[in-house]
Structures are given as structure tokens and as C-alpha cells.
Amino acid sequence: TIRKKLPTKIVMKVFDQLEELGFKGKITFHHFSEAFLDK
């Protein structure tokens, strides 16, 4: 297994961009991973 994390700075930038777009939809934090492994 290769362990990589999406940097917090990028996640927050995506949040900022979504907020700017007025996004009020669903958001999730997984795809082929177990998100609860990320603290």
C-alpha cells in the first residue's frame, strides 16, 4: 500500500472555490479509500 494524503491546504482551497460557486450540495471524502483512517 502507498500512503498519500491530499494536503489540507488544497482541501481548504476546494472548499473556498465551492463556497464561491454557491455550492450547497453533497460532499464526501472517499473514493477507493477508508476516509476514517485520516485523522
PDB file of all heavy atoms in Angstrom:
ATOM      1  N   THR A   1       0.820  -1.207   0.000  1.00  0.00           N
ATOM      2  CA  THR A   1       0.000   0.000   0.000  1.00  0.00           C
ATOM      3  C   THR A   1       0.856   1.261   0.000  1.00  0.00           C
ATOM      4  O   THR A   1       1.815   1.368   0.758  1.00  0.00           O
ATOM      5  CB  THR A   1      -0.924   0.022   1.233  1.00  0.00           C
ATOM      6  OG1 THR A   1      -1.811  -1.097   1.155  1.00  0.00           O
ATOM      7  CG2 THR A   1      -1.746   1.297   1.300  1.00  0.00           C
ATOM      8  N   ILE A   2       0.492   2.195  -0.854  1.00  0.00           N
ATOM      9  CA  ILE A   2       1.129   3.510  -0.907  1.00  0.00           C
ATOM     10  C   ILE A   2       0.236   4.464  -0.120  1.00  0.00           C
ATOM     11  O   ILE A   2      -0.976   4.500  -0.336  1.00  0.00           O
ATOM     12  CB  ILE A   2       1.308   3.972  -2.363  1.00  0.00           C
ATOM     13  CG1 ILE A   2       2.338   3.079  -3.037  1.00  0.00           C
ATOM     14  CG2 ILE A   2       1.695   5.447  -2.420  1.00  0.00           C
ATOM     15  CD1 ILE A   2       2.538   3.337  -4.487  1.00  0.00           C
ATOM     16  N   ARG A   3       0.834   5.192   0.791  1.00  0.00           N
ATOM     17  CA  ARG A   3       0.071   6.099   1.645  1.00  0.00           C
ATOM     18  C   ARG A   3       0.330   7.549   1.234  1.00  0.00           C
ATOM     19  O   ARG A   3       1.427   8.051   1.400  1.00  0.00           O
ATOM     20  CB  ARG A   3       0.455   5.874   3.101  1.00  0.00           C
ATOM     21  CG  ARG A   3      -0.047   4.540   3.616  1.00  0.00           C
ATOM     22  CD  ARG A   3       0.458   4.251   5.015  1.00  0.00           C
ATOM     23  NE  ARG A   3      -0.199   3.107   5.578  1.00  0.00           N
ATOM     24  CZ  ARG A   3       0.175   1.845   5.352  1.00  0.00           C
ATOM     25  NH1 ARG A   3       1.209   1.593   4.575  1.00  0.00           N
ATOM     26  NH2 ARG A   3      -0.474   0.842   5.899  1.00  0.00           N
ATOM     27  N   LYS A   4      -0.728   8.167   0.720  1.00  0.00           N
ATOM     28  CA  LYS A   4      -0.659   9.577   0.338  1.00  0.00           C
ATOM     29  C   LYS A   4      -1.854  10.286   0.954  1.00  0.00           C
ATOM     30  O   LYS A   4      -2.905   9.672   1.140  1.00  0.00           O
ATOM     31  CB  LYS A   4      -0.740   9.743  -1.175  1.00  0.00           C
ATOM     32  CG  LYS A   4       0.394   9.179  -1.965  1.00  0.00           C
ATOM     33  CD  LYS A   4       0.234   9.598  -3.417  1.00  0.00           C
ATOM     34  CE  LYS A   4       0.457   8.440  -4.345  1.00  0.00           C
ATOM     35  NZ  LYS A   4       0.151   8.747  -5.724  1.00  0.00           N
ATOM     36  N   LYS A   5      -1.714  11.567   1.221  1.00  0.00           N
ATOM     37  CA  LYS A   5      -2.818  12.375   1.716  1.00  0.00           C
ATOM     38  C   LYS A   5      -2.957  13.629   0.860  1.00  0.00           C
ATOM     39  O   LYS A   5      -1.964  14.199   0.432  1.00  0.00           O
ATOM     40  CB  LYS A   5      -2.585  12.779   3.171  1.00  0.00           C
ATOM     41  CG  LYS A   5      -2.634  11.618   4.138  1.00  0.00           C
ATOM     42  CD  LYS A   5      -2.806  12.117   5.551  1.00  0.00           C
ATOM     43  CE  LYS A   5      -2.789  11.002   6.557  1.00  0.00           C
ATOM     44  NZ  LYS A   5      -3.818  10.032   6.427  1.00  0.00           N
ATOM     45  N   LEU A   6      -4.194  14.016   0.619  1.00  0.00           N
ATOM     46  CA  LEU A   6      -4.465  15.283  -0.046  1.00  0.00           C
ATOM     47  C   LEU A   6      -4.133  16.380   0.963  1.00  0.00           C
ATOM     48  O   LEU A   6      -4.672  16.380   2.082  1.00  0.00           O
ATOM     49  CB  LEU A   6      -5.942  15.348  -0.448  1.00  0.00           C
ATOM     50  CG  LEU A   6      -6.391  16.530  -1.274  1.00  0.00           C
ATOM     51  CD1 LEU A   6      -5.664  16.574  -2.617  1.00  0.00           C
ATOM     52  CD2 LEU A   6      -7.902  16.457  -1.510  1.00  0.00           C
ATOM     53  N   PRO A   7      -3.239  17.299   0.623  1.00  0.00           N
ATOM     54  CA  PRO A   7      -2.845  18.333   1.589  1.00  0.00           C
ATOM     55  C   PRO A   7      -4.030  19.172   2.071  1.00  0.00           C
ATOM     56  O   PRO A   7      -4.923  19.514   1.293  1.00  0.00           O
ATOM     57  CB  PRO A   7      -1.856  19.196   0.800  1.00  0.00           C
ATOM     58  CG  PRO A   7      -1.324  18.286  -0.262  1.00  0.00           C
ATOM     59  CD  PRO A   7      -2.485  17.397  -0.626  1.00  0.00           C
ATOM     60  N   THR A   8      -4.007  19.500   3.347  1.00  0.00           N
ATOM     61  CA  THR A   8      -5.064  20.312   3.957  1.00  0.00           C
ATOM     62  C   THR A   8      -5.256  21.618   3.198  1.00  0.00           C
ATOM     63  O   THR A   8      -6.386  22.063   2.980  1.00  0.00           O
ATOM     64  CB  THR A   8      -4.721  20.597   5.436  1.00  0.00           C
ATOM     65  OG1 THR A   8      -4.656  19.342   6.125  1.00  0.00           O
ATOM     66  CG2 THR A   8      -5.746  21.495   6.090  1.00  0.00           C
ATOM     67  N   LYS A   9      -4.168  22.215   2.779  1.00  0.00           N
ATOM     68  CA  LYS A   9      -4.231  23.487   2.044  1.00  0.00           C
ATOM     69  C   LYS A   9      -5.084  23.351   0.777  1.00  0.00           C
ATOM     70  O   LYS A   9      -5.865  24.239   0.446  1.00  0.00           O
ATOM     71  CB  LYS A   9      -2.802  23.914   1.690  1.00  0.00           C
ATOM     72  CG  LYS A   9      -2.673  25.243   1.026  1.00  0.00           C
ATOM     73  CD  LYS A   9      -1.204  25.573   0.797  1.00  0.00           C
ATOM     74  CE  LYS A   9      -1.052  26.888   0.099  1.00  0.00           C
ATOM     75  NZ  LYS A   9       0.358  27.251  -0.094  1.00  0.00           N
ATOM     76  N   ILE A  10      -4.956  22.236   0.086  1.00  0.00           N
ATOM     77  CA  ILE A  10      -5.742  22.017  -1.140  1.00  0.00           C
ATOM     78  C   ILE A  10      -7.209  21.781  -0.805  1.00  0.00           C
ATOM     79  O   ILE A  10      -8.105  22.305  -1.476  1.00  0.00           O
ATOM     80  CB  ILE A  10      -5.150  20.860  -1.971  1.00  0.00           C
ATOM     81  CG1 ILE A  10      -3.784  21.284  -2.517  1.00  0.00           C
ATOM     82  CG2 ILE A  10      -6.100  20.445  -3.099  1.00  0.00           C
ATOM     83  CD1 ILE A  10      -3.043  20.213  -3.278  1.00  0.00           C
ATOM     84  N   VAL A  11      -7.478  21.005   0.248  1.00  0.00           N
ATOM     85  CA  VAL A  11      -8.866  20.771   0.652  1.00  0.00           C
ATOM     86  C   VAL A  11      -9.539  22.098   0.973  1.00  0.00           C
ATOM     87  O   VAL A  11     -10.656  22.361   0.514  1.00  0.00           O
ATOM     88  CB  VAL A  11      -8.941  19.814   1.865  1.00  0.00           C
ATOM     89  CG1 VAL A  11     -10.386  19.669   2.351  1.00  0.00           C
ATOM     90  CG2 VAL A  11      -8.354  18.447   1.517  1.00  0.00           C
ATOM     91  N   MET A  12      -8.860  22.950   1.718  1.00  0.00           N
ATOM     92  CA  MET A  12      -9.439  24.239   2.085  1.00  0.00           C
ATOM     93  C   MET A  12      -9.631  25.136   0.856  1.00  0.00           C
ATOM     94  O   MET A  12     -10.621  25.867   0.771  1.00  0.00           O
ATOM     95  CB  MET A  12      -8.575  24.932   3.134  1.00  0.00           C
ATOM     96  CG  MET A  12      -8.478  24.154   4.458  1.00  0.00           C
ATOM     97  SD  MET A  12     -10.063  23.642   5.154  1.00  0.00           S
ATOM     98  CE  MET A  12     -10.686  25.221   5.691  1.00  0.00           C
ATOM     99  N   LYS A  13      -8.723  25.047  -0.092  1.00  0.00           N
ATOM    100  CA  LYS A  13      -8.867  25.817  -1.332  1.00  0.00           C
ATOM    101  C   LYS A  13     -10.095  25.343  -2.116  1.00  0.00           C
ATOM    102  O   LYS A  13     -10.854  26.153  -2.654  1.00  0.00           O
ATOM    103  CB  LYS A  13      -7.604  25.683  -2.179  1.00  0.00           C
ATOM    104  CG  LYS A  13      -7.605  26.558  -3.409  1.00  0.00           C
ATOM    105  CD  LYS A  13      -6.273  26.512  -4.125  1.00  0.00           C
ATOM    106  CE  LYS A  13      -6.307  27.462  -5.304  1.00  0.00           C
ATOM    107  NZ  LYS A  13      -5.007  27.578  -5.945  1.00  0.00           N
ATOM    108  N   VAL A  14     -10.306  24.038  -2.154  1.00  0.00           N
ATOM    109  CA  VAL A  14     -11.502  23.497  -2.825  1.00  0.00           C
ATOM    110  C   VAL A  14     -12.756  23.985  -2.104  1.00  0.00           C
ATOM    111  O   VAL A  14     -13.727  24.401  -2.750  1.00  0.00           O
ATOM    112  CB  VAL A  14     -11.457  21.952  -2.899  1.00  0.00           C
ATOM    113  CG1 VAL A  14     -12.790  21.384  -3.354  1.00  0.00           C
ATOM    114  CG2 VAL A  14     -10.335  21.491  -3.820  1.00  0.00           C
ATOM    115  N   PHE A  15     -12.754  23.951  -0.779  1.00  0.00           N
ATOM    116  CA  PHE A  15     -13.894  24.477  -0.016  1.00  0.00           C
ATOM    117  C   PHE A  15     -14.158  25.936  -0.374  1.00  0.00           C
ATOM    118  O   PHE A  15     -15.308  26.331  -0.585  1.00  0.00           O
ATOM    119  CB  PHE A  15     -13.635  24.380   1.488  1.00  0.00           C
ATOM    120  CG  PHE A  15     -13.827  23.018   2.096  1.00  0.00           C
ATOM    121  CD1 PHE A  15     -13.386  22.777   3.377  1.00  0.00           C
ATOM    122  CD2 PHE A  15     -14.447  21.981   1.415  1.00  0.00           C
ATOM    123  CE1 PHE A  15     -13.556  21.537   3.976  1.00  0.00           C
ATOM    124  CE2 PHE A  15     -14.616  20.747   1.995  1.00  0.00           C
ATOM    125  CZ  PHE A  15     -14.176  20.520   3.281  1.00  0.00           C
ATOM    126  N   ASP A  16     -13.102  26.733  -0.441  1.00  0.00           N
ATOM    127  CA  ASP A  16     -13.255  28.152  -0.798  1.00  0.00           C
ATOM    128  C   ASP A  16     -13.879  28.300  -2.178  1.00  0.00           C
ATOM    129  O   ASP A  16     -14.785  29.114  -2.385  1.00  0.00           O
ATOM    130  CB  ASP A  16     -11.900  28.866  -0.777  1.00  0.00           C
ATOM    131  CG  ASP A  16     -11.316  29.037   0.622  1.00  0.00           C
ATOM    132  OD1 ASP A  16     -12.060  28.893   1.616  1.00  0.00           O
ATOM    133  OD2 ASP A  16     -10.090  29.300   0.708  1.00  0.00           O
ATOM    134  N   GLN A  17     -13.398  27.515  -3.133  1.00  0.00           N
ATOM    135  CA  GLN A  17     -13.911  27.590  -4.502  1.00  0.00           C
ATOM    136  C   GLN A  17     -15.371  27.132  -4.572  1.00  0.00           C
ATOM    137  O   GLN A  17     -16.187  27.754  -5.271  1.00  0.00           O
ATOM    138  CB  GLN A  17     -13.037  26.763  -5.440  1.00  0.00           C
ATOM    139  CG  GLN A  17     -11.657  27.353  -5.626  1.00  0.00           C
ATOM    140  CD  GLN A  17     -10.701  26.428  -6.362  1.00  0.00           C
ATOM    141  OE1 GLN A  17     -10.935  25.238  -6.520  1.00  0.00           O
ATOM    142  NE2 GLN A  17      -9.582  26.990  -6.806  1.00  0.00           N
ATOM    143  N   LEU A  18     -15.700  26.076  -3.855  1.00  0.00           N
ATOM    144  CA  LEU A  18     -17.092  25.599  -3.840  1.00  0.00           C
ATOM    145  C   LEU A  18     -18.007  26.645  -3.217  1.00  0.00           C
ATOM    146  O   LEU A  18     -19.103  26.898  -3.724  1.00  0.00           O
ATOM    147  CB  LEU A  18     -17.192  24.279  -3.070  1.00  0.00           C
ATOM    148  CG  LEU A  18     -16.574  23.064  -3.751  1.00  0.00           C
ATOM    149  CD1 LEU A  18     -16.524  21.880  -2.794  1.00  0.00           C
ATOM    150  CD2 LEU A  18     -17.316  22.702  -5.024  1.00  0.00           C
ATOM    151  N   GLU A  19     -17.544  27.250  -2.150  1.00  0.00           N
ATOM    152  CA  GLU A  19     -18.343  28.284  -1.496  1.00  0.00           C
ATOM    153  C   GLU A  19     -18.549  29.476  -2.433  1.00  0.00           C
ATOM    154  O   GLU A  19     -19.644  30.030  -2.525  1.00  0.00           O
ATOM    155  CB  GLU A  19     -17.641  28.722  -0.207  1.00  0.00           C
ATOM    156  CG  GLU A  19     -18.486  29.615   0.662  1.00  0.00           C
ATOM    157  CD  GLU A  19     -17.837  29.876   2.008  1.00  0.00           C
ATOM    158  OE1 GLU A  19     -16.594  30.004   2.082  1.00  0.00           O
ATOM    159  OE2 GLU A  19     -18.590  29.970   2.991  1.00  0.00           O
ATOM    160  N   GLU A  20     -17.513  29.851  -3.155  1.00  0.00           N
ATOM    161  CA  GLU A  20     -17.591  30.961  -4.112  1.00  0.00           C
ATOM    162  C   GLU A  20     -18.619  30.661  -5.209  1.00  0.00           C
ATOM    163  O   GLU A  20     -19.304  31.559  -5.691  1.00  0.00           O
ATOM    164  CB  GLU A  20     -16.210  31.179  -4.728  1.00  0.00           C
ATOM    165  CG  GLU A  20     -16.036  32.508  -5.388  1.00  0.00           C
ATOM    166  CD  GLU A  20     -14.596  32.718  -5.849  1.00  0.00           C
ATOM    167  OE1 GLU A  20     -13.704  32.720  -4.973  1.00  0.00           O
ATOM    168  OE2 GLU A  20     -14.387  32.855  -7.060  1.00  0.00           O
ATOM    169  N   LEU A  21     -18.724  29.395  -5.593  1.00  0.00           N
ATOM    170  CA  LEU A  21     -19.696  28.978  -6.606  1.00  0.00           C
ATOM    171  C   LEU A  21     -21.115  28.877  -6.047  1.00  0.00           C
ATOM    172  O   LEU A  21     -22.066  28.685  -6.791  1.00  0.00           O
ATOM    173  CB  LEU A  21     -19.307  27.619  -7.194  1.00  0.00           C
ATOM    174  CG  LEU A  21     -18.102  27.588  -8.113  1.00  0.00           C
ATOM    175  CD1 LEU A  21     -17.687  26.147  -8.393  1.00  0.00           C
ATOM    176  CD2 LEU A  21     -18.410  28.321  -9.419  1.00  0.00           C
ATOM    177  N   GLY A  22     -21.238  28.961  -4.739  1.00  0.00           N
ATOM    178  CA  GLY A  22     -22.553  28.826  -4.111  1.00  0.00           C
ATOM    179  C   GLY A  22     -22.971  27.372  -3.950  1.00  0.00           C
ATOM    180  O   GLY A  22     -24.155  27.074  -3.804  1.00  0.00           O
ATOM    181  N   PHE A  23     -22.012  26.463  -3.940  1.00  0.00           N
ATOM    182  CA  PHE A  23     -22.309  25.036  -3.832  1.00  0.00           C
ATOM    183  C   PHE A  23     -22.889  24.703  -2.462  1.00  0.00           C
ATOM    184  O   PHE A  23     -22.305  25.024  -1.436  1.00  0.00           O
ATOM    185  CB  PHE A  23     -21.029  24.214  -4.064  1.00  0.00           C
ATOM    186  CG  PHE A  23     -21.239  22.737  -3.945  1.00  0.00           C
ATOM    187  CD1 PHE A  23     -21.917  22.046  -4.931  1.00  0.00           C
ATOM    188  CD2 PHE A  23     -20.763  22.039  -2.851  1.00  0.00           C
ATOM    189  CE1 PHE A  23     -22.120  20.676  -4.826  1.00  0.00           C
ATOM    190  CE2 PHE A  23     -20.951  20.684  -2.739  1.00  0.00           C
ATOM    191  CZ  PHE A  23     -21.637  19.991  -3.724  1.00  0.00           C
ATOM    192  N   LYS A  24     -24.052  24.052  -2.469  1.00  0.00           N
ATOM    193  CA  LYS A  24     -24.734  23.640  -1.235  1.00  0.00           C
ATOM    194  C   LYS A  24     -25.114  22.161  -1.309  1.00  0.00           C
ATOM    195  O   LYS A  24     -26.002  21.711  -0.599  1.00  0.00           O
ATOM    196  CB  LYS A  24     -25.992  24.479  -1.000  1.00  0.00           C
ATOM    197  CG  LYS A  24     -25.741  25.964  -0.897  1.00  0.00           C
ATOM    198  CD  LYS A  24     -25.017  26.320   0.369  1.00  0.00           C
ATOM    199  CE  LYS A  24     -24.828  27.825   0.479  1.00  0.00           C
ATOM    200  NZ  LYS A  24     -23.860  28.202   1.469  1.00  0.00           N
ATOM    201  N   GLY A  25     -24.422  21.435  -2.154  1.00  0.00           N
ATOM    202  CA  GLY A  25     -24.758  20.032  -2.357  1.00  0.00           C
ATOM    203  C   GLY A  25     -24.014  19.097  -1.430  1.00  0.00           C
ATOM    204  O   GLY A  25     -23.428  19.493  -0.426  1.00  0.00           O
ATOM    205  N   LYS A  26     -24.028  17.824  -1.819  1.00  0.00           N
ATOM    206  CA  LYS A  26     -23.381  16.772  -1.036  1.00  0.00           C
ATOM    207  C   LYS A  26     -21.877  16.772  -1.281  1.00  0.00           C
ATOM    208  O   LYS A  26     -21.423  17.041  -2.380  1.00  0.00           O
ATOM    209  CB  LYS A  26     -23.940  15.410  -1.441  1.00  0.00           C
ATOM    210  CG  LYS A  26     -25.398  15.239  -1.134  1.00  0.00           C
ATOM    211  CD  LYS A  26     -25.871  13.878  -1.626  1.00  0.00           C
ATOM    212  CE  LYS A  26     -27.353  13.727  -1.421  1.00  0.00           C
ATOM    213  NZ  LYS A  26     -27.835  12.448  -1.960  1.00  0.00           N
ATOM    214  N   ILE A  27     -21.145  16.455  -0.211  1.00  0.00           N
ATOM    215  CA  ILE A  27     -19.696  16.334  -0.326  1.00  0.00           C
ATOM    216  C   ILE A  27     -19.253  15.119   0.478  1.00  0.00           C
ATOM    217  O   ILE A  27     -19.779  14.850   1.553  1.00  0.00           O
ATOM    218  CB  ILE A  27     -18.966  17.616   0.134  1.00  0.00           C
ATOM    219  CG1 ILE A  27     -17.468  17.530  -0.185  1.00  0.00           C
ATOM    220  CG2 ILE A  27     -19.236  17.916   1.591  1.00  0.00           C
ATOM    221  CD1 ILE A  27     -16.743  18.855  -0.148  1.00  0.00           C
ATOM    222  N   THR A  28     -18.318  14.375  -0.094  1.00  0.00           N
ATOM    223  CA  THR A  28     -17.781  13.203   0.592  1.00  0.00           C
ATOM    224  C   THR A  28     -16.270  13.178   0.443  1.00  0.00           C
ATOM    225  O   THR A  28     -15.719  13.912  -0.377  1.00  0.00           O
ATOM    226  CB  THR A  28     -18.439  11.906   0.084  1.00  0.00           C
ATOM    227  OG1 THR A  28     -18.088  10.841   0.961  1.00  0.00           O
ATOM    228  CG2 THR A  28     -18.050  11.602  -1.343  1.00  0.00           C
ATOM    229  N   PHE A  29     -15.632  12.337   1.220  1.00  0.00           N
ATOM    230  CA  PHE A  29     -14.178  12.385   1.332  1.00  0.00           C
ATOM    231  C   PHE A  29     -13.527  11.023   1.080  1.00  0.00           C
ATOM    232  O   PHE A  29     -12.555  10.667   1.728  1.00  0.00           O
ATOM    233  CB  PHE A  29     -13.800  12.911   2.719  1.00  0.00           C
ATOM    234  CG  PHE A  29     -14.434  14.238   3.025  1.00  0.00           C
ATOM    235  CD1 PHE A  29     -15.595  14.314   3.768  1.00  0.00           C
ATOM    236  CD2 PHE A  29     -13.887  15.410   2.533  1.00  0.00           C
ATOM    237  CE1 PHE A  29     -16.193  15.550   4.035  1.00  0.00           C
ATOM    238  CE2 PHE A  29     -14.467  16.641   2.790  1.00  0.00           C
ATOM    239  CZ  PHE A  29     -15.632  16.704   3.542  1.00  0.00           C
ATOM    240  N   HIS A  30     -14.069  10.274   0.191  1.00  0.00           N
ATOM    241  CA  HIS A  30     -13.529   8.943  -0.114  1.00  0.00           C
ATOM    242  C   HIS A  30     -13.751   8.619  -1.587  1.00  0.00           C
ATOM    243  O   HIS A  30     -14.524   9.272  -2.267  1.00  0.00           O
ATOM    244  CB  HIS A  30     -14.248   7.876   0.715  1.00  0.00           C
ATOM    245  CG  HIS A  30     -15.649   7.665   0.227  1.00  0.00           C
ATOM    246  ND1 HIS A  30     -16.668   8.530   0.546  1.00  0.00           N
ATOM    247  CD2 HIS A  30     -16.176   6.749  -0.612  1.00  0.00           C
ATOM    248  CE1 HIS A  30     -17.774   8.126  -0.072  1.00  0.00           C
ATOM    249  NE2 HIS A  30     -17.504   7.060  -0.775  1.00  0.00           N
ATOM    250  N   HIS A  31     -13.084   7.605  -2.045  1.00  0.00           N
ATOM    251  CA  HIS A  31     -13.335   7.024  -3.366  1.00  0.00           C
ATOM    252  C   HIS A  31     -12.955   5.551  -3.281  1.00  0.00           C
ATOM    253  O   HIS A  31     -13.814   4.716  -3.110  1.00  0.00           O
ATOM    254  CB  HIS A  31     -12.575   7.769  -4.464  1.00  0.00           C
ATOM    255  CG  HIS A  31     -12.945   7.338  -5.835  1.00  0.00           C
ATOM    256  ND1 HIS A  31     -14.234   7.393  -6.305  1.00  0.00           N
ATOM    257  CD2 HIS A  31     -12.214   6.826  -6.835  1.00  0.00           C
ATOM    258  CE1 HIS A  31     -14.266   6.933  -7.548  1.00  0.00           C
ATOM    259  NE2 HIS A  31     -13.048   6.579  -7.881  1.00  0.00           N
ATOM    260  N   PHE A  32     -11.685   5.246  -3.358  1.00  0.00           N
ATOM    261  CA  PHE A  32     -11.209   3.875  -3.157  1.00  0.00           C
ATOM    262  C   PHE A  32     -10.384   3.813  -1.874  1.00  0.00           C
ATOM    263  O   PHE A  32      -9.322   3.227  -1.833  1.00  0.00           O
ATOM    264  CB  PHE A  32     -10.357   3.402  -4.336  1.00  0.00           C
ATOM    265  CG  PHE A  32     -11.129   3.259  -5.608  1.00  0.00           C
ATOM    266  CD1 PHE A  32     -10.704   3.898  -6.758  1.00  0.00           C
ATOM    267  CD2 PHE A  32     -12.272   2.493  -5.676  1.00  0.00           C
ATOM    268  CE1 PHE A  32     -11.401   3.772  -7.946  1.00  0.00           C
ATOM    269  CE2 PHE A  32     -12.984   2.365  -6.848  1.00  0.00           C
ATOM    270  CZ  PHE A  32     -12.552   3.002  -7.986  1.00  0.00           C
ATOM    271  N   SER A  33     -10.874   4.445  -0.829  1.00  0.00           N
ATOM    272  CA  SER A  33     -10.116   4.527   0.416  1.00  0.00           C
ATOM    273  C   SER A  33     -11.072   4.423   1.595  1.00  0.00           C
ATOM    274  O   SER A  33     -12.286   4.457   1.439  1.00  0.00           O
ATOM    275  CB  SER A  33      -9.368   5.851   0.479  1.00  0.00           C
ATOM    276  OG  SER A  33     -10.291   6.927   0.524  1.00  0.00           O
ATOM    277  N   GLU A  34     -10.502   4.337   2.775  1.00  0.00           N
ATOM    278  CA  GLU A  34     -11.276   4.393   4.023  1.00  0.00           C
ATOM    279  C   GLU A  34     -10.972   5.741   4.661  1.00  0.00           C
ATOM    280  O   GLU A  34      -9.909   5.937   5.245  1.00  0.00           O
ATOM    281  CB  GLU A  34     -10.903   3.245   4.957  1.00  0.00           C
ATOM    282  CG  GLU A  34     -11.562   3.302   6.312  1.00  0.00           C
ATOM    283  CD  GLU A  34     -13.073   3.501   6.263  1.00  0.00           C
ATOM    284  OE1 GLU A  34     -13.768   2.710   5.584  1.00  0.00           O
ATOM    285  OE2 GLU A  34     -13.556   4.462   6.895  1.00  0.00           O
ATOM    286  N   ALA A  35     -11.907   6.657   4.531  1.00  0.00           N
ATOM    287  CA  ALA A  35     -11.689   8.038   4.961  1.00  0.00           C
ATOM    288  C   ALA A  35     -11.444   8.166   6.463  1.00  0.00           C
ATOM    289  O   ALA A  35     -10.751   9.084   6.896  1.00  0.00           O
ATOM    290  CB  ALA A  35     -12.873   8.906   4.552  1.00  0.00           C
ATOM    291  N   PHE A  36     -11.987   7.253   7.268  1.00  0.00           N
ATOM    292  CA  PHE A  36     -11.778   7.348   8.711  1.00  0.00           C
ATOM    293  C   PHE A  36     -10.337   7.052   9.128  1.00  0.00           C
ATOM    294  O   PHE A  36      -9.978   7.242  10.286  1.00  0.00           O
ATOM    295  CB  PHE A  36     -12.759   6.455   9.473  1.00  0.00           C
ATOM    296  CG  PHE A  36     -14.122   7.085   9.607  1.00  0.00           C
ATOM    297  CD1 PHE A  36     -15.156   6.706   8.773  1.00  0.00           C
ATOM    298  CD2 PHE A  36     -14.355   8.073  10.555  1.00  0.00           C
ATOM    299  CE1 PHE A  36     -16.409   7.294   8.883  1.00  0.00           C
ATOM    300  CE2 PHE A  36     -15.598   8.674  10.669  1.00  0.00           C
ATOM    301  CZ  PHE A  36     -16.635   8.284   9.836  1.00  0.00           C
ATOM    302  N   LEU A  37      -9.493   6.612   8.209  1.00  0.00           N
ATOM    303  CA  LEU A  37      -8.069   6.458   8.502  1.00  0.00           C
ATOM    304  C   LEU A  37      -7.356   7.810   8.538  1.00  0.00           C
ATOM    305  O   LEU A  37      -6.246   7.913   9.031  1.00  0.00           O
ATOM    306  CB  LEU A  37      -7.400   5.548   7.465  1.00  0.00           C
ATOM    307  CG  LEU A  37      -7.796   4.076   7.556  1.00  0.00           C
ATOM    308  CD1 LEU A  37      -7.240   3.311   6.358  1.00  0.00           C
ATOM    309  CD2 LEU A  37      -7.323   3.446   8.851  1.00  0.00           C
ATOM    310  N   ASP A  38      -8.005   8.843   8.018  1.00  0.00           N
ATOM    311  CA  ASP A  38      -7.437  10.198   8.024  1.00  0.00           C
ATOM    312  C   ASP A  38      -7.982  10.944   9.241  1.00  0.00           C
ATOM    313  O   ASP A  38      -9.185  11.160   9.363  1.00  0.00           O
ATOM    314  CB  ASP A  38      -7.812  10.922   6.736  1.00  0.00           C
ATOM    315  CG  ASP A  38      -7.059  12.222   6.557  1.00  0.00           C
ATOM    316  OD1 ASP A  38      -6.927  12.987   7.548  1.00  0.00           O
ATOM    317  OD2 ASP A  38      -6.606  12.491   5.442  1.00  0.00           O
ATOM    318  N   LYS A  39      -7.103  11.317  10.124  1.00  0.00           N
ATOM    319  CA  LYS A  39      -7.495  11.975  11.377  1.00  0.00           C
ATOM    320  C   LYS A  39      -8.134  13.354  11.157  1.00  0.00           C
ATOM    321  O   LYS A  39      -8.740  13.909  12.072  1.00  0.00           O
ATOM    322  CB  LYS A  39      -6.293  12.091  12.292  1.00  0.00           C
ATOM    323  CG  LYS A  39      -5.661  10.742  12.581  1.00  0.00           C
ATOM    324  CD  LYS A  39      -5.441  10.529  14.026  1.00  0.00           C
ATOM    325  CE  LYS A  39      -4.725   9.236  14.311  1.00  0.00           C
ATOM    326  NZ  LYS A  39      -5.541   8.077  14.314  1.00  0.00           N
TER     327      LYS A  39
END
